[in-house]
PDB file of N, CA and C in Angstrom:
ATOM      1  N   MET A   1      18.062  -2.827   3.538  1.00  0.00           N
ATOM      2  CA  MET A   1      16.700  -2.799   3.037  1.00  0.00           C
ATOM      3  C   MET A   1      16.706  -2.103   1.665  1.00  0.00           C
ATOM      4  N   THR A   2      15.997  -2.706   0.738  1.00  0.00           N
ATOM      5  CA  THR A   2      15.967  -2.163  -0.621  1.00  0.00           C
ATOM      6  C   THR A   2      14.669  -1.377  -0.845  1.00  0.00           C
ATOM      7  N   ARG A   3      14.677  -0.611  -1.915  1.00  0.00           N
ATOM      8  CA  ARG A   3      13.472   0.123  -2.305  1.00  0.00           C
ATOM      9  C   ARG A   3      12.343  -0.867  -2.579  1.00  0.00           C
ATOM     10  N   ASP A   4      12.675  -1.985  -3.233  1.00  0.00           N
ATOM     11  CA  ASP A   4      11.656  -2.991  -3.545  1.00  0.00           C
ATOM     12  C   ASP A   4      11.028  -3.585  -2.287  1.00  0.00           C
ATOM     13  N   GLU A   5      11.837  -3.782  -1.251  1.00  0.00           N
ATOM     14  CA  GLU A   5      11.295  -4.300   0.012  1.00  0.00           C
ATOM     15  C   GLU A   5      10.335  -3.293   0.645  1.00  0.00           C
ATOM     16  N   ILE A   6      10.672  -2.023   0.558  1.00  0.00           N
ATOM     17  CA  ILE A   6       9.801  -0.973   1.089  1.00  0.00           C
ATOM     18  C   ILE A   6       8.485  -0.947   0.317  1.00  0.00           C
ATOM     19  N   VAL A   7       8.570  -1.002  -1.008  1.00  0.00           N
ATOM     20  CA  VAL A   7       7.367  -1.007  -1.850  1.00  0.00           C
ATOM     21  C   VAL A   7       6.504  -2.222  -1.514  1.00  0.00           C
ATOM     22  N   ARG A   8       7.127  -3.371  -1.345  1.00  0.00           N
ATOM     23  CA  ARG A   8       6.386  -4.599  -1.026  1.00  0.00           C
ATOM     24  C   ARG A   8       5.668  -4.454   0.324  1.00  0.00           C
ATOM     25  N   TRP A   9       6.364  -3.882   1.301  1.00  0.00           N
ATOM     26  CA  TRP A   9       5.742  -3.662   2.609  1.00  0.00           C
ATOM     27  C   TRP A   9       4.527  -2.741   2.461  1.00  0.00           C
ATOM     28  N   CYS A  10       4.676  -1.665   1.681  1.00  0.00           N
ATOM     29  CA  CYS A  10       3.562  -0.735   1.448  1.00  0.00           C
ATOM     30  C   CYS A  10       2.393  -1.441   0.759  1.00  0.00           C
ATOM     31  N   GLN A  11       2.696  -2.286  -0.232  1.00  0.00           N
ATOM     32  CA  GLN A  11       1.643  -3.045  -0.914  1.00  0.00           C
ATOM     33  C   GLN A  11       0.888  -3.926   0.072  1.00  0.00           C
ATOM     34  N   GLU A  12       1.617  -4.605   0.933  1.00  0.00           N
ATOM     35  CA  GLU A  12       0.973  -5.491   1.902  1.00  0.00           C
ATOM     36  C   GLU A  12       0.133  -4.681   2.895  1.00  0.00           C
ATOM     37  N   TYR A  13       0.655  -3.550   3.330  1.00  0.00           N
ATOM     38  CA  TYR A  13      -0.085  -2.713   4.275  1.00  0.00           C
ATOM     39  C   TYR A  13      -1.383  -2.213   3.634  1.00  0.00           C
ATOM     40  N   LEU A  14      -1.279  -1.669   2.425  1.00  0.00           N
ATOM     41  CA  LEU A  14      -2.478  -1.149   1.746  1.00  0.00           C
ATOM     42  C   LEU A  14      -3.455  -2.267   1.393  1.00  0.00           C
ATOM     43  N   ALA A  15      -2.932  -3.412   1.001  1.00  0.00           N
ATOM     44  CA  ALA A  15      -3.812  -4.544   0.663  1.00  0.00           C
ATOM     45  C   ALA A  15      -4.666  -4.922   1.862  1.00  0.00           C
ATOM     46  N   ASN A  16      -4.065  -4.900   3.038  1.00  0.00           N
ATOM     47  CA  ASN A  16      -4.807  -5.210   4.251  1.00  0.00           C
ATOM     48  C   ASN A  16      -5.905  -4.166   4.494  1.00  0.00           C
ATOM     49  N   LEU A  17      -5.583  -2.894   4.305  1.00  0.00           N
ATOM     50  CA  LEU A  17      -6.573  -1.827   4.503  1.00  0.00           C
ATOM     51  C   LEU A  17      -7.697  -1.880   3.469  1.00  0.00           C
ATOM     52  N   LEU A  18      -7.339  -2.181   2.218  1.00  0.00           N
ATOM     53  CA  LEU A  18      -8.305  -2.154   1.121  1.00  0.00           C
ATOM     54  C   LEU A  18      -8.984  -3.513   0.897  1.00  0.00           C
ATOM     55  N   ASP A  19      -8.560  -4.519   1.659  1.00  0.00           N
ATOM     56  CA  ASP A  19      -9.115  -5.871   1.560  1.00  0.00           C
ATOM     57  C   ASP A  19      -8.963  -6.450   0.145  1.00  0.00           C
ATOM     58  N   VAL A  20      -7.726  -6.347  -0.365  1.00  0.00           N
ATOM     59  CA  VAL A  20      -7.371  -6.912  -1.670  1.00  0.00           C
ATOM     60  C   VAL A  20      -6.043  -7.656  -1.503  1.00  0.00           C
ATOM     61  N   THR A  21      -5.592  -8.312  -2.552  1.00  0.00           N
ATOM     62  CA  THR A  21      -4.289  -8.983  -2.482  1.00  0.00           C
ATOM     63  C   THR A  21      -3.178  -7.973  -2.758  1.00  0.00           C
ATOM     64  N   PRO A  22      -2.015  -8.165  -2.134  1.00  0.00           N
ATOM     65  CA  PRO A  22      -0.894  -7.247  -2.397  1.00  0.00           C
ATOM     66  C   PRO A  22      -0.537  -7.180  -3.882  1.00  0.00           C
ATOM     67  N   GLU A  23      -0.662  -8.319  -4.575  1.00  0.00           N
ATOM     68  CA  GLU A  23      -0.317  -8.360  -6.003  1.00  0.00           C
ATOM     69  C   GLU A  23      -1.246  -7.500  -6.855  1.00  0.00           C
ATOM     70  N   SER A  24      -2.436  -7.227  -6.339  1.00  0.00           N
ATOM     71  CA  SER A  24      -3.385  -6.427  -7.122  1.00  0.00           C
ATOM     72  C   SER A  24      -3.098  -4.932  -7.027  1.00  0.00           C
ATOM     73  N   ILE A  25      -2.176  -4.545  -6.163  1.00  0.00           N
ATOM     74  CA  ILE A  25      -1.844  -3.123  -6.000  1.00  0.00           C
ATOM     75  C   ILE A  25      -0.647  -2.799  -6.880  1.00  0.00           C
ATOM     76  N   ASP A  26      -0.909  -2.056  -7.939  1.00  0.00           N
ATOM     77  CA  ASP A  26       0.122  -1.679  -8.905  1.00  0.00           C
ATOM     78  C   ASP A  26       1.001  -0.589  -8.289  1.00  0.00           C
ATOM     79  N   PRO A  27       2.305  -0.854  -8.106  1.00  0.00           N
ATOM     80  CA  PRO A  27       3.174   0.150  -7.490  1.00  0.00           C
ATOM     81  C   PRO A  27       3.400   1.386  -8.358  1.00  0.00           C
ATOM     82  N   ASP A  28       2.995   1.335  -9.614  1.00  0.00           N
ATOM     83  CA  ASP A  28       3.118   2.494 -10.501  1.00  0.00           C
ATOM     84  C   ASP A  28       1.805   3.253 -10.656  1.00  0.00           C
ATOM     85  N   ALA A  29       0.736   2.772 -10.031  1.00  0.00           N
ATOM     86  CA  ALA A  29      -0.568   3.432 -10.146  1.00  0.00           C
ATOM     87  C   ALA A  29      -0.640   4.620  -9.178  1.00  0.00           C
ATOM     88  N   ASP A  30      -1.256   5.703  -9.634  1.00  0.00           N
ATOM     89  CA  ASP A  30      -1.489   6.848  -8.751  1.00  0.00           C
ATOM     90  C   ASP A  30      -2.383   6.410  -7.595  1.00  0.00           C
ATOM     91  N   PHE A  31      -2.187   7.039  -6.443  1.00  0.00           N
ATOM     92  CA  PHE A  31      -2.958   6.670  -5.265  1.00  0.00           C
ATOM     93  C   PHE A  31      -4.457   6.804  -5.478  1.00  0.00           C
ATOM     94  N   ASP A  32      -4.881   7.839  -6.206  1.00  0.00           N
ATOM     95  CA  ASP A  32      -6.323   7.998  -6.430  1.00  0.00           C
ATOM     96  C   ASP A  32      -6.876   6.823  -7.234  1.00  0.00           C
ATOM     97  N   ARG A  33      -6.084   6.295  -8.158  1.00  0.00           N
ATOM     98  CA  ARG A  33      -6.514   5.133  -8.939  1.00  0.00           C
ATOM     99  C   ARG A  33      -6.609   3.882  -8.067  1.00  0.00           C
ATOM    100  N   LEU A  34      -5.799   3.829  -7.016  1.00  0.00           N
ATOM    101  CA  LEU A  34      -5.831   2.692  -6.098  1.00  0.00           C
ATOM    102  C   LEU A  34      -6.973   2.796  -5.094  1.00  0.00           C
ATOM    103  N   GLY A  35      -7.617   3.962  -5.047  1.00  0.00           N
ATOM    104  CA  GLY A  35      -8.692   4.162  -4.087  1.00  0.00           C
ATOM    105  C   GLY A  35      -8.197   4.636  -2.736  1.00  0.00           C
ATOM    106  N   LEU A  36      -7.017   5.243  -2.732  1.00  0.00           N
ATOM    107  CA  LEU A  36      -6.420   5.725  -1.488  1.00  0.00           C
ATOM    108  C   LEU A  36      -6.922   7.132  -1.202  1.00  0.00           C
ATOM    109  N   ASP A  37      -7.850   7.247  -0.249  1.00  0.00           N
ATOM    110  CA  ASP A  37      -8.366   8.565   0.128  1.00  0.00           C
ATOM    111  C   ASP A  37      -7.471   9.174   1.212  1.00  0.00           C
ATOM    112  N   SER A  38      -7.803  10.374   1.646  1.00  0.00           N
ATOM    113  CA  SER A  38      -6.956  11.083   2.615  1.00  0.00           C
ATOM    114  C   SER A  38      -6.740  10.315   3.916  1.00  0.00           C
ATOM    115  N   PRO A  39      -7.795   9.767   4.547  1.00  0.00           N
ATOM    116  CA  PRO A  39      -7.547   9.018   5.789  1.00  0.00           C
ATOM    117  C   PRO A  39      -6.616   7.824   5.595  1.00  0.00           C
ATOM    118  N   LEU A  40      -6.747   7.117   4.485  1.00  0.00           N
ATOM    119  CA  LEU A  40      -5.863   5.980   4.222  1.00  0.00           C
ATOM    120  C   LEU A  40      -4.439   6.448   3.956  1.00  0.00           C
ATOM    121  N   ALA A  41      -4.307   7.561   3.259  1.00  0.00           N
ATOM    122  CA  ALA A  41      -2.978   8.113   2.981  1.00  0.00           C
ATOM    123  C   ALA A  41      -2.284   8.505   4.287  1.00  0.00           C
ATOM    124  N   VAL A  42      -3.020   9.154   5.179  1.00  0.00           N
ATOM    125  CA  VAL A  42      -2.449   9.544   6.474  1.00  0.00           C
ATOM    126  C   VAL A  42      -2.054   8.299   7.265  1.00  0.00           C
ATOM    127  N   SER A  43      -2.880   7.277   7.228  1.00  0.00           N
ATOM    128  CA  SER A  43      -2.565   6.026   7.906  1.00  0.00           C
ATOM    129  C   SER A  43      -1.261   5.435   7.368  1.00  0.00           C
ATOM    130  N   LEU A  44      -1.091   5.463   6.051  1.00  0.00           N
ATOM    131  CA  LEU A  44       0.139   4.968   5.436  1.00  0.00           C
ATOM    132  C   LEU A  44       1.339   5.784   5.913  1.00  0.00           C
ATOM    133  N   LEU A  45       1.196   7.105   5.961  1.00  0.00           N
ATOM    134  CA  LEU A  45       2.299   7.968   6.408  1.00  0.00           C
ATOM    135  C   LEU A  45       2.707   7.637   7.839  1.00  0.00           C
ATOM    136  N   ILE A  46       1.719   7.454   8.700  1.00  0.00           N
ATOM    137  CA  ILE A  46       1.994   7.131  10.102  1.00  0.00           C
ATOM    138  C   ILE A  46       2.714   5.791  10.215  1.00  0.00           C
ATOM    139  N   GLU A  47       2.238   4.805   9.468  1.00  0.00           N
ATOM    140  CA  GLU A  47       2.859   3.481   9.516  1.00  0.00           C
ATOM    141  C   GLU A  47       4.283   3.501   8.968  1.00  0.00           C
ATOM    142  N   ILE A  48       4.514   4.274   7.916  1.00  0.00           N
ATOM    143  CA  ILE A  48       5.872   4.385   7.363  1.00  0.00           C
ATOM    144  C   ILE A  48       6.803   4.989   8.413  1.00  0.00           C
ATOM    145  N   GLU A  49       6.323   6.039   9.082  1.00  0.00           N
ATOM    146  CA  GLU A  49       7.163   6.674  10.107  1.00  0.00           C
ATOM    147  C   GLU A  49       7.460   5.690  11.249  1.00  0.00           C
ATOM    148  N   GLU A  50       6.446   4.940  11.690  1.00  0.00           N
ATOM    149  CA  GLU A  50       6.647   3.986  12.780  1.00  0.00           C
ATOM    150  C   GLU A  50       7.533   2.817  12.358  1.00  0.00           C
ATOM    151  N   HIS A  51       7.331   2.334  11.134  1.00  0.00           N
ATOM    152  CA  HIS A  51       8.048   1.143  10.671  1.00  0.00           C
ATOM    153  C   HIS A  51       9.484   1.446  10.241  1.00  0.00           C
ATOM    154  N   TYR A  52       9.668   2.570   9.544  1.00  0.00           N
ATOM    155  CA  TYR A  52      10.977   2.894   8.969  1.00  0.00           C
ATOM    156  C   TYR A  52      11.671   4.071   9.638  1.00  0.00           C
ATOM    157  N   GLY A  53      10.963   4.807  10.502  1.00  0.00           N
ATOM    158  CA  GLY A  53      11.569   5.965  11.147  1.00  0.00           C
ATOM    159  C   GLY A  53      11.783   7.131  10.203  1.00  0.00           C
ATOM    160  N   VAL A  54      11.018   7.173   9.123  1.00  0.00           N
ATOM    161  CA  VAL A  54      11.138   8.251   8.128  1.00  0.00           C
ATOM    162  C   VAL A  54       9.868   9.086   8.171  1.00  0.00           C
ATOM    163  N   ASP A  55      10.039  10.378   8.397  1.00  0.00           N
ATOM    164  CA  ASP A  55       8.904  11.299   8.377  1.00  0.00           C
ATOM    165  C   ASP A  55       8.599  11.635   6.920  1.00  0.00           C
ATOM    166  N   LEU A  56       7.453  11.201   6.470  1.00  0.00           N
ATOM    167  CA  LEU A  56       7.024  11.441   5.090  1.00  0.00           C
ATOM    168  C   LEU A  56       5.907  12.470   5.131  1.00  0.00           C
ATOM    169  N   PRO A  57       6.218  13.750   4.836  1.00  0.00           N
ATOM    170  CA  PRO A  57       5.181  14.786   4.895  1.00  0.00           C
ATOM    171  C   PRO A  57       4.074  14.518   3.875  1.00  0.00           C
ATOM    172  N   PRO A  58       2.828  14.876   4.218  1.00  0.00           N
ATOM    173  CA  PRO A  58       1.702  14.633   3.308  1.00  0.00           C
ATOM    174  C   PRO A  58       1.912  15.213   1.909  1.00  0.00           C
ATOM    175  N   GLU A  59       2.578  16.365   1.820  1.00  0.00           N
ATOM    176  CA  GLU A  59       2.791  16.954   0.491  1.00  0.00           C
ATOM    177  C   GLU A  59       3.668  16.072  -0.398  1.00  0.00           C
ATOM    178  N   GLU A  60       4.471  15.217   0.221  1.00  0.00           N
ATOM    179  CA  GLU A  60       5.289  14.291  -0.573  1.00  0.00           C
ATOM    180  C   GLU A  60       4.417  13.299  -1.337  1.00  0.00           C
ATOM    181  N   LEU A  61       3.252  12.958  -0.786  1.00  0.00           N
ATOM    182  CA  LEU A  61       2.358  12.044  -1.500  1.00  0.00           C
ATOM    183  C   LEU A  61       1.810  12.682  -2.773  1.00  0.00           C
ATOM    184  N   PHE A  62       1.687  14.010  -2.762  1.00  0.00           N
ATOM    185  CA  PHE A  62       1.235  14.697  -3.973  1.00  0.00           C
ATOM    186  C   PHE A  62       2.363  14.765  -4.994  1.00  0.00           C
ATOM    187  N   GLU A  63       3.596  14.891  -4.496  1.00  0.00           N
ATOM    188  CA  GLU A  63       4.753  14.940  -5.391  1.00  0.00           C
ATOM    189  C   GLU A  63       5.192  13.541  -5.823  1.00  0.00           C
ATOM    190  N   ASN A  64       4.894  12.550  -4.993  1.00  0.00           N
ATOM    191  CA  ASN A  64       5.278  11.159  -5.250  1.00  0.00           C
ATOM    192  C   ASN A  64       4.039  10.282  -5.107  1.00  0.00           C
ATOM    193  N   PRO A  65       3.106  10.355  -6.068  1.00  0.00           N
ATOM    194  CA  PRO A  65       1.796   9.716  -5.872  1.00  0.00           C
ATOM    195  C   PRO A  65       1.714   8.230  -6.226  1.00  0.00           C
ATOM    196  N   THR A  66       2.835   7.514  -6.195  1.00  0.00           N
ATOM    197  CA  THR A  66       2.810   6.073  -6.435  1.00  0.00           C
ATOM    198  C   THR A  66       3.629   5.373  -5.351  1.00  0.00           C
ATOM    199  N   LEU A  67       3.406   4.092  -5.175  1.00  0.00           N
ATOM    200  CA  LEU A  67       4.189   3.350  -4.189  1.00  0.00           C
ATOM    201  C   LEU A  67       5.657   3.263  -4.575  1.00  0.00           C
ATOM    202  N   ASN A  68       5.947   3.171  -5.866  1.00  0.00           N
ATOM    203  CA  ASN A  68       7.352   3.151  -6.275  1.00  0.00           C
ATOM    204  C   ASN A  68       8.046   4.459  -5.906  1.00  0.00           C
ATOM    205  N   ALA A  69       7.360   5.584  -6.088  1.00  0.00           N
ATOM    206  CA  ALA A  69       7.940   6.878  -5.737  1.00  0.00           C
ATOM    207  C   ALA A  69       8.108   7.003  -4.223  1.00  0.00           C
ATOM    208  N   VAL A  70       7.110   6.562  -3.472  1.00  0.00           N
ATOM    209  CA  VAL A  70       7.209   6.598  -2.008  1.00  0.00           C
ATOM    210  C   VAL A  70       8.348   5.685  -1.544  1.00  0.00           C
ATOM    211  N   GLY A  71       8.444   4.502  -2.139  1.00  0.00           N
ATOM    212  CA  GLY A  71       9.524   3.584  -1.793  1.00  0.00           C
ATOM    213  C   GLY A  71      10.887   4.198  -2.020  1.00  0.00           C
ATOM    214  N   LYS A  72      11.039   4.907  -3.130  1.00  0.00           N
ATOM    215  CA  LYS A  72      12.308   5.577  -3.432  1.00  0.00           C
ATOM    216  C   LYS A  72      12.600   6.657  -2.395  1.00  0.00           C
ATOM    217  N   TYR A  73      11.592   7.463  -2.069  1.00  0.00           N
ATOM    218  CA  TYR A  73      11.752   8.537  -1.085  1.00  0.00           C
ATOM    219  C   TYR A  73      12.166   7.960   0.273  1.00  0.00           C
ATOM    220  N   VAL A  74      11.449   6.942   0.731  1.00  0.00           N
ATOM    221  CA  VAL A  74      11.740   6.343   2.035  1.00  0.00           C
ATOM    222  C   VAL A  74      13.135   5.721   2.026  1.00  0.00           C
ATOM    223  N   HIS A  75      13.461   5.006   0.958  1.00  0.00           N
ATOM    224  CA  HIS A  75      14.775   4.356   0.849  1.00  0.00           C
ATOM    225  C   HIS A  75      15.888   5.390   0.931  1.00  0.00           C
ATOM    226  N   GLU A  76      15.745   6.507   0.233  1.00  0.00           N
ATOM    227  CA  GLU A  76      16.773   7.555   0.255  1.00  0.00           C
ATOM    228  C   GLU A  76      16.902   8.168   1.648  1.00  0.00           C
ATOM    229  N   HIS A  77      15.792   8.369   2.332  1.00  0.00           N
ATOM    230  CA  HIS A  77      15.834   9.011   3.641  1.00  0.00           C
ATOM    231  C   HIS A  77      16.270   8.055   4.748  1.00  0.00           C
ATOM    232  N   VAL A  78      15.977   6.771   4.607  1.00  0.00           N
ATOM    233  CA  VAL A  78      16.475   5.799   5.581  1.00  0.00           C
ATOM    234  C   VAL A  78      17.987   5.771   5.510  1.00  0.00           C
ATOM    235  N   ARG A  79      18.547   5.777   4.320  1.00  0.00           N
ATOM    236  CA  ARG A  79      20.001   5.755   4.157  1.00  0.00           C
ATOM    237  C   ARG A  79      20.628   7.027   4.697  1.00  0.00           C
ATOM    238  N   GLN A  80      19.994   8.191   4.449  1.00  0.00           N
ATOM    239  CA  GLN A  80      20.537   9.451   4.944  1.00  0.00           C
ATOM    240  C   GLN A  80      20.536   9.492   6.462  1.00  0.00           C
ATOM    241  N   ASP A  81      19.460   8.993   7.061  1.00  0.00           N
ATOM    242  CA  ASP A  81      19.349   9.017   8.514  1.00  0.00           C
ATOM    243  C   ASP A  81      20.408   8.119   9.164  1.00  0.00           C
ATOM    244  N   VAL A  82      20.740   7.028   8.499  1.00  0.00           N
ATOM    245  CA  VAL A  82      21.727   6.097   9.034  1.00  0.00           C
ATOM    246  C   VAL A  82      23.137   6.664   8.871  1.00  0.00           C
ATOM    247  N   ALA A  83      23.347   7.381   7.780  1.00  0.00           N
ATOM    248  CA  ALA A  83      24.702   7.899   7.471  1.00  0.00           C
ATOM    249  C   ALA A  83      25.137   8.976   8.443  1.00  0.00           C
TER     250      ALA A  83
END
């Protein structure tokens, strides 16, 4: 699984929640610019943990406030967990 695949999955998940197309979600946009409030952010964290088995603490969203950054974090931790 690549970082891009993770980002794409996140785009599709958020698009469904926000009722927009996945292509309209800029992976480099800050979450606040995307309209991602706290409940939606928590929902994303839960889904990432269930889908990828990676615990993404909420503070990581503040340190990594874009889908590309989250994708990188998840990709690195999925590989570490497997190794």
